[in-house]
Amino acid sequence: MAPSLLRPQAHLSNQEILELAQQAPSILRKNPRAFETSPLLALFTASENTELWIIYENLLLACLRIEDDRSAVEILARLALRFGDDNQRIMALKGLVREAQAKDNAELEEILKGYETVLIDIGNSGTNIPIAKRRVALLKSLGRPSDAISALVRLLEYSPTDAEAWSELSDLYLAQGMYAQAIYALEEVLVLSPNSWNMQARLGELLFMAAAASADAATYTFYAESVKRFCRSIELCDDYLRGYYGLKQATDKLLSDPKLLKPSKQSGDDGLVLPPKQTLEALNEQATKKLAEIVRRYGAGDPLWQGYDVAEVAAARELLSKGEEKVVR
């Protein structure tokens, strides 16, 4: 499926972003700033619609990624003309453009001070969430994870139902090796969106990592919960590669370590119990079959199986090949 300027772009490759950004001259030419030049010109141009402004914002982000500052500034000017300089989202986009044009950390620090001034000026009357999020992103890029975490915690005190902020907080905690906090933050995401199969699998991954790094008493709880989350992920989305990949990894680990399957060791402190060996073997077999099918159909160019990430398919192929090596030996 061709990339679209009406959809989020975070998952797109550099090549796909380039294709989108190259549309900027054509889109800007077809949609002149009629209301700025002449009111009569508006009679001969397309009427305003919500899609146009979504396209403009996504085009702005694409242009910044390929360093097309000229087009980005022009798009930003049109958005500001339409929505006003005081619009919170426009303020954040202006900050983003300034960040992209900054030449060194000193300039980024000045931009950060500007964000903090905006947030201080708002005071107790509320908060500018887009600016607060830009501040977190900038703190992170400046290598100040502790400050970024503190800023996110304050933001979540004001907006506790922001799943995106909870997810980012989880990633920041994980980067610091704080597994318990990362898991808690991601559990908050699932409270807000329990049917998100990707977040279920992500939580399974965190639990699996925590199990490898934990003390003996907590290992079994983490493994049991990890298997549960991976199973829930593929229950919600039957073709989700990361869910099957995580399930195979977790069951491979459990089945390869007899100590983890001892009856006296299968229950964690909170009562969660690892599935019996027969169940783990069945889950492992199912995950292996599904991963093999995904890799085979993707490699064959099946048009209905091309939505997967290339790197994830390669990782699945490598995981399957390791399993085959063990069988041969």
Protein backbone atom coordinates (compact mmCIF):
# COMPACT_ATOMS: atom_id res chain seq x y z
CA MET A 1 0.00 0.00 0.00
CA ALA A 2 1.39 3.40 -1.01
CA PRO A 3 2.08 5.83 1.83
CA SER A 4 -0.55 8.51 2.37
CA LEU A 5 -0.36 12.02 3.81
CA LEU A 6 -3.66 11.36 5.57
CA ARG A 7 -2.13 8.71 7.85
CA PRO A 8 0.50 8.86 10.63
CA GLN A 9 4.07 8.55 9.37
CA ALA A 10 6.07 7.30 12.33
CA HIS A 11 6.25 3.76 10.92
CA LEU A 12 7.29 4.78 7.39
CA SER A 13 10.74 4.13 5.97
CA ASN A 14 13.09 6.89 4.82
CA GLN A 15 12.27 6.05 1.19
CA GLU A 16 8.53 6.36 1.81
CA ILE A 17 9.02 9.66 3.64
CA LEU A 18 11.07 10.94 0.70
CA GLU A 19 8.26 10.04 -1.69
CA LEU A 20 5.76 11.98 0.42
CA ALA A 21 7.98 15.03 0.89
CA GLN A 22 8.61 15.29 -2.85
CA GLN A 23 4.93 16.06 -3.27
CA ALA A 24 5.32 19.37 -1.42
CA PRO A 25 5.85 21.68 -4.45
CA SER A 26 2.87 20.20 -6.26
CA ILE A 27 0.54 20.38 -3.23
CA LEU A 28 1.56 23.94 -2.40
CA ARG A 29 1.07 25.01 -5.99
CA LYS A 30 -2.40 23.47 -6.20
CA ASN A 31 -3.48 25.08 -2.92
CA PRO A 32 -2.37 28.74 -3.04
CA ARG A 33 -2.91 31.02 -0.08
CA ALA A 34 -5.95 32.51 -1.82
CA PHE A 35 -7.40 34.23 1.23
CA GLU A 36 -4.06 36.03 1.74
CA THR A 37 -3.65 37.33 -1.84
CA SER A 38 -7.15 38.08 -3.04
CA PRO A 39 -10.64 37.22 -1.76
CA LEU A 40 -11.79 36.80 -5.37
CA LEU A 41 -9.17 34.11 -6.01
CA ALA A 42 -10.90 31.92 -3.41
CA LEU A 43 -13.82 31.58 -5.85
CA PHE A 44 -11.60 29.63 -8.24
CA THR A 45 -9.81 27.39 -5.75
CA ALA A 46 -10.90 24.28 -3.87
CA SER A 47 -12.95 24.88 -0.75
CA GLU A 48 -11.28 24.36 2.62
CA ASN A 49 -11.61 20.91 4.17
CA THR A 50 -10.20 19.07 7.17
CA GLU A 51 -8.14 16.74 4.99
CA LEU A 52 -6.11 19.64 3.60
CA TRP A 53 -4.82 20.63 7.05
CA ILE A 54 -4.03 17.01 7.94
CA ILE A 55 -2.07 16.76 4.69
CA TYR A 56 -0.25 20.01 5.45
CA GLU A 57 0.81 18.86 8.93
CA ASN A 58 2.00 15.45 7.76
CA LEU A 59 3.76 17.06 4.79
CA LEU A 60 5.51 19.45 7.18
CA LEU A 61 6.82 16.52 9.24
CA ALA A 62 7.97 14.70 6.08
CA CYS A 63 9.80 17.80 4.80
CA LEU A 64 11.60 18.20 8.11
CA ARG A 65 12.79 14.60 7.95
CA ILE A 66 14.43 15.16 4.54
CA GLU A 67 15.72 18.63 5.58
CA ASP A 68 13.53 20.51 3.09
CA ASP A 69 13.34 23.56 5.36
CA ARG A 70 12.01 25.86 2.64
CA SER A 71 8.86 23.83 2.07
CA ALA A 72 8.45 23.21 5.81
CA VAL A 73 8.53 26.94 6.58
CA GLU A 74 6.00 27.67 3.84
CA ILE A 75 3.63 24.98 5.12
CA LEU A 76 4.00 26.25 8.68
CA ALA A 77 3.16 29.78 7.53
CA ARG A 78 -0.08 28.53 5.97
CA LEU A 79 -1.05 26.62 9.07
CA ALA A 80 -0.31 29.63 11.29
CA LEU A 81 -2.29 31.92 8.97
CA ARG A 82 -5.29 29.62 9.22
CA PHE A 83 -5.23 28.71 12.93
CA GLY A 84 -3.30 31.57 14.51
CA ASP A 85 0.07 31.87 16.22
CA ASP A 86 -1.49 31.26 19.64
CA ASN A 87 -2.91 27.86 18.71
CA GLN A 88 -1.22 25.26 20.91
CA ARG A 89 -0.55 22.84 18.08
CA ILE A 90 0.90 25.61 15.90
CA MET A 91 3.17 26.68 18.75
CA ALA A 92 4.48 23.12 19.02
CA LEU A 93 5.02 22.86 15.25
CA LYS A 94 6.95 26.15 15.29
CA GLY A 95 9.13 24.76 18.05
CA LEU A 96 9.68 21.57 16.07
CA VAL A 97 10.81 23.55 13.01
CA ARG A 98 13.21 25.55 15.18
CA GLU A 99 14.59 22.32 16.63
CA ALA A 100 15.17 20.94 13.14
CA GLN A 101 17.01 24.10 12.12
CA ALA A 102 19.14 24.31 15.29
CA LYS A 103 22.86 24.04 14.60
CA ASP A 104 24.06 22.93 18.04
CA ASN A 105 23.01 22.07 21.58
CA ALA A 106 23.26 25.71 22.65
CA GLU A 107 20.43 26.62 20.27
CA LEU A 108 18.41 23.64 21.45
CA GLU A 109 18.84 24.78 25.05
CA GLU A 110 17.43 28.19 24.07
CA ILE A 111 14.43 26.51 22.47
CA LEU A 112 13.98 24.46 25.65
CA LYS A 113 13.94 27.67 27.71
CA GLY A 114 11.24 28.99 25.39
CA TYR A 115 9.11 25.90 26.04
CA GLU A 116 9.57 26.30 29.79
CA THR A 117 8.60 29.98 29.59
CA VAL A 118 5.37 29.08 27.80
CA LEU A 119 4.50 26.48 30.41
CA ILE A 120 5.31 28.84 33.30
CA ASP A 121 3.18 31.61 31.79
CA ILE A 122 0.19 29.28 31.64
CA GLY A 123 0.62 28.55 35.36
CA ASN A 124 -2.34 27.11 37.23
CA SER A 125 -4.81 27.84 34.43
CA GLY A 126 -3.85 24.63 32.63
CA THR A 127 -1.04 23.40 30.41
CA ASN A 128 -0.06 23.45 26.77
CA ILE A 129 0.11 19.71 26.13
CA PRO A 130 1.75 19.92 22.66
CA ILE A 131 4.49 22.19 24.06
CA ALA A 132 4.88 19.96 27.14
CA LYS A 133 5.41 16.97 24.84
CA ARG A 134 7.93 18.86 22.70
CA ARG A 135 9.80 19.69 25.91
CA VAL A 136 9.94 16.00 26.84
CA ALA A 137 11.18 15.06 23.37
CA LEU A 138 13.85 17.77 23.46
CA LEU A 139 15.06 16.76 26.92
CA LYS A 140 15.34 13.20 25.66
CA SER A 141 17.33 14.23 22.57
CA LEU A 142 19.65 16.34 24.74
CA GLY A 143 20.53 13.25 26.78
CA ARG A 144 18.63 14.21 29.93
CA PRO A 145 16.40 11.16 30.55
CA SER A 146 15.82 11.89 34.25
CA ASP A 147 14.50 15.36 33.43
CA ALA A 148 12.39 13.91 30.62
CA ILE A 149 10.86 11.39 33.02
CA SER A 150 10.09 14.12 35.57
CA ALA A 151 8.48 16.26 32.87
CA LEU A 152 6.34 13.36 31.68
CA VAL A 153 5.22 12.53 35.22
CA ARG A 154 4.08 16.14 35.66
CA LEU A 155 2.25 16.02 32.33
CA LEU A 156 0.47 12.81 33.33
CA GLU A 157 -0.62 14.37 36.61
CA TYR A 158 -2.50 16.90 34.49
CA SER A 159 -3.61 14.46 31.77
CA PRO A 160 -3.69 10.91 33.24
CA THR A 161 -5.60 9.46 30.28
CA ASP A 162 -2.89 10.21 27.72
CA ALA A 163 -1.93 6.74 26.48
CA GLU A 164 0.82 8.13 24.25
CA ALA A 165 2.49 9.81 27.24
CA TRP A 166 2.29 6.63 29.34
CA SER A 167 3.87 4.66 26.49
CA GLU A 168 6.71 7.16 26.15
CA LEU A 169 7.25 7.09 29.91
CA SER A 170 7.51 3.29 29.74
CA ASP A 171 10.20 3.55 27.06
CA LEU A 172 12.17 6.08 29.11
CA TYR A 173 12.03 3.88 32.21
CA LEU A 174 13.12 0.87 30.17
CA ALA A 175 16.10 2.77 28.78
CA GLN A 176 17.19 3.32 32.39
CA GLY A 177 16.79 -0.36 33.24
CA MET A 178 13.82 0.37 35.53
CA TYR A 179 11.70 -2.64 34.56
CA ALA A 180 9.08 -2.43 37.30
CA GLN A 181 8.32 1.22 36.47
CA ALA A 182 8.32 0.53 32.71
CA ILE A 183 5.85 -2.33 33.18
CA TYR A 184 3.60 -0.20 35.39
CA ALA A 185 3.50 2.61 32.82
CA LEU A 186 2.63 0.21 30.01
CA GLU A 187 -0.10 -1.38 32.12
CA GLU A 188 -1.62 2.11 32.33
CA VAL A 189 -1.67 2.18 28.52
CA LEU A 190 -3.63 -1.08 28.50
CA VAL A 191 -6.09 0.26 31.06
CA LEU A 192 -6.89 2.96 28.50
CA SER A 193 -6.79 0.69 25.43
CA PRO A 194 -7.10 -2.96 26.52
CA ASN A 195 -7.62 -4.27 22.97
CA SER A 196 -4.36 -2.88 21.59
CA TRP A 197 -2.65 -6.07 20.45
CA ASN A 198 0.64 -4.27 19.83
CA MET A 199 0.72 -2.95 23.40
CA GLN A 200 -0.15 -6.40 24.75
CA ALA A 201 2.84 -7.81 22.89
CA ARG A 202 5.02 -4.91 24.00
CA LEU A 203 4.15 -5.61 27.62
CA GLY A 204 5.00 -9.26 27.02
CA GLU A 205 8.41 -8.18 25.75
CA LEU A 206 9.04 -6.03 28.83
CA LEU A 207 8.03 -8.86 31.13
CA PHE A 208 10.31 -11.26 29.25
CA MET A 209 13.25 -8.86 29.63
CA ALA A 210 12.42 -8.32 33.30
CA ALA A 211 12.39 -12.10 33.85
CA ALA A 212 15.90 -12.41 32.44
CA ALA A 213 17.15 -9.64 34.73
CA SER A 214 15.17 -10.46 37.88
CA ALA A 215 15.97 -12.36 41.04
CA ASP A 216 14.79 -15.93 41.38
CA ALA A 217 11.63 -15.10 43.31
CA ALA A 218 10.21 -12.82 40.61
CA THR A 219 11.28 -14.75 37.52
CA TYR A 220 8.31 -17.09 37.38
CA THR A 221 5.74 -14.34 37.77
CA PHE A 222 7.31 -12.40 34.91
CA TYR A 223 7.50 -15.45 32.63
CA ALA A 224 3.91 -16.45 33.37
CA GLU A 225 2.61 -12.95 32.72
CA SER A 226 4.75 -12.66 29.58
CA VAL A 227 3.26 -15.79 28.02
CA LYS A 228 -0.21 -14.55 28.96
CA ARG A 229 0.34 -11.18 27.24
CA PHE A 230 1.72 -12.71 24.05
CA CYS A 231 -1.26 -15.05 23.88
CA ARG A 232 -3.64 -12.14 24.37
CA SER A 233 -1.89 -10.23 21.61
CA ILE A 234 -2.38 -12.93 19.00
CA GLU A 235 -5.89 -13.56 20.24
CA LEU A 236 -6.68 -9.94 19.35
CA CYS A 237 -4.77 -10.04 16.04
CA ASP A 238 -4.29 -13.46 14.50
CA ASP A 239 -1.49 -12.34 12.14
CA TYR A 240 0.56 -10.13 14.47
CA LEU A 241 4.18 -11.12 13.93
CA ARG A 242 5.62 -9.64 17.13
CA GLY A 243 3.06 -11.52 19.21
CA TYR A 244 4.06 -14.86 17.71
CA TYR A 245 7.76 -13.96 17.81
CA GLY A 246 7.57 -13.14 21.52
CA LEU A 247 5.52 -16.25 22.28
CA LYS A 248 8.08 -18.47 20.56
CA GLN A 249 10.97 -16.81 22.36
CA ALA A 250 9.30 -17.13 25.75
CA THR A 251 8.26 -20.75 25.30
CA ASP A 252 11.67 -21.65 23.82
CA LYS A 253 13.30 -20.27 26.96
CA LEU A 254 10.94 -22.07 29.33
CA LEU A 255 11.16 -25.40 27.52
CA SER A 256 14.97 -25.25 27.38
CA ASP A 257 15.37 -24.69 31.12
CA PRO A 258 14.12 -27.64 33.25
CA LYS A 259 14.55 -25.58 36.42
CA LEU A 260 11.77 -23.21 35.35
CA LEU A 261 9.31 -26.08 34.88
CA LYS A 262 9.70 -27.70 38.28
CA PRO A 263 6.26 -27.92 39.94
CA SER A 264 7.57 -26.26 43.11
CA LYS A 265 8.91 -23.34 41.11
CA GLN A 266 6.00 -22.59 38.80
CA SER A 267 4.11 -20.15 40.98
CA GLY A 268 5.12 -16.56 41.55
CA ASP A 269 4.59 -14.42 44.62
CA ASP A 270 1.26 -13.12 43.32
CA GLY A 271 -0.14 -16.55 42.50
CA LEU A 272 0.45 -16.49 38.74
CA VAL A 273 1.29 -19.98 37.54
CA LEU A 274 3.28 -21.03 34.49
CA PRO A 275 1.32 -23.21 32.05
CA PRO A 276 2.14 -26.94 32.15
CA LYS A 277 4.83 -28.25 29.83
CA GLN A 278 2.31 -29.76 27.39
CA THR A 279 0.59 -26.39 26.98
CA LEU A 280 3.89 -24.61 26.47
CA GLU A 281 4.87 -27.14 23.80
CA ALA A 282 1.57 -26.61 22.00
CA LEU A 283 1.95 -22.84 22.13
CA ASN A 284 5.51 -23.09 20.87
CA GLU A 285 4.43 -25.29 17.97
CA GLN A 286 1.64 -22.90 17.01
CA ALA A 287 3.94 -19.87 17.15
CA THR A 288 6.55 -21.68 15.03
CA LYS A 289 4.01 -22.63 12.39
CA LYS A 290 2.58 -19.13 12.17
CA LEU A 291 5.98 -17.47 11.94
CA ALA A 292 6.99 -19.91 9.21
CA GLU A 293 3.81 -19.09 7.29
CA ILE A 294 4.41 -15.34 7.59
CA VAL A 295 8.03 -15.64 6.43
CA ARG A 296 7.08 -17.96 3.54
CA ARG A 297 4.19 -15.86 2.24
CA TYR A 298 6.06 -12.60 2.67
CA GLY A 299 9.06 -14.00 0.81
CA ALA A 300 6.83 -15.32 -1.98
CA GLY A 301 5.42 -11.84 -2.52
CA ASP A 302 1.86 -12.74 -1.56
CA PRO A 303 0.06 -9.36 -1.87
CA LEU A 304 -2.02 -10.00 1.27
CA TRP A 305 1.09 -10.62 3.39
CA GLN A 306 3.27 -7.60 2.50
CA GLY A 307 2.35 -5.28 5.38
CA TYR A 308 5.08 -6.55 7.68
CA ASP A 309 8.26 -4.69 8.59
CA VAL A 310 11.27 -6.02 6.68
CA ALA A 311 13.48 -6.11 9.80
CA GLU A 312 10.83 -8.00 11.80
CA VAL A 313 10.45 -10.62 9.07
CA ALA A 314 14.24 -11.03 8.97
CA ALA A 315 14.31 -11.48 12.75
CA ALA A 316 11.56 -14.10 12.54
CA ARG A 317 13.48 -15.95 9.84
CA GLU A 318 16.61 -15.96 11.99
CA LEU A 319 14.68 -17.20 15.03
CA LEU A 320 13.23 -20.06 12.99
CA SER A 321 16.65 -20.99 11.59
CA LYS A 322 18.06 -21.22 15.13
CA GLY A 323 15.30 -23.63 16.04
CA GLU A 324 16.09 -25.75 12.99
CA GLU A 325 19.78 -25.88 13.96
CA LYS A 326 18.89 -27.23 17.41
CA VAL A 327 16.68 -29.91 15.85
CA VAL A 328 19.48 -31.02 13.47
CA ARG A 329 21.99 -31.25 16.30
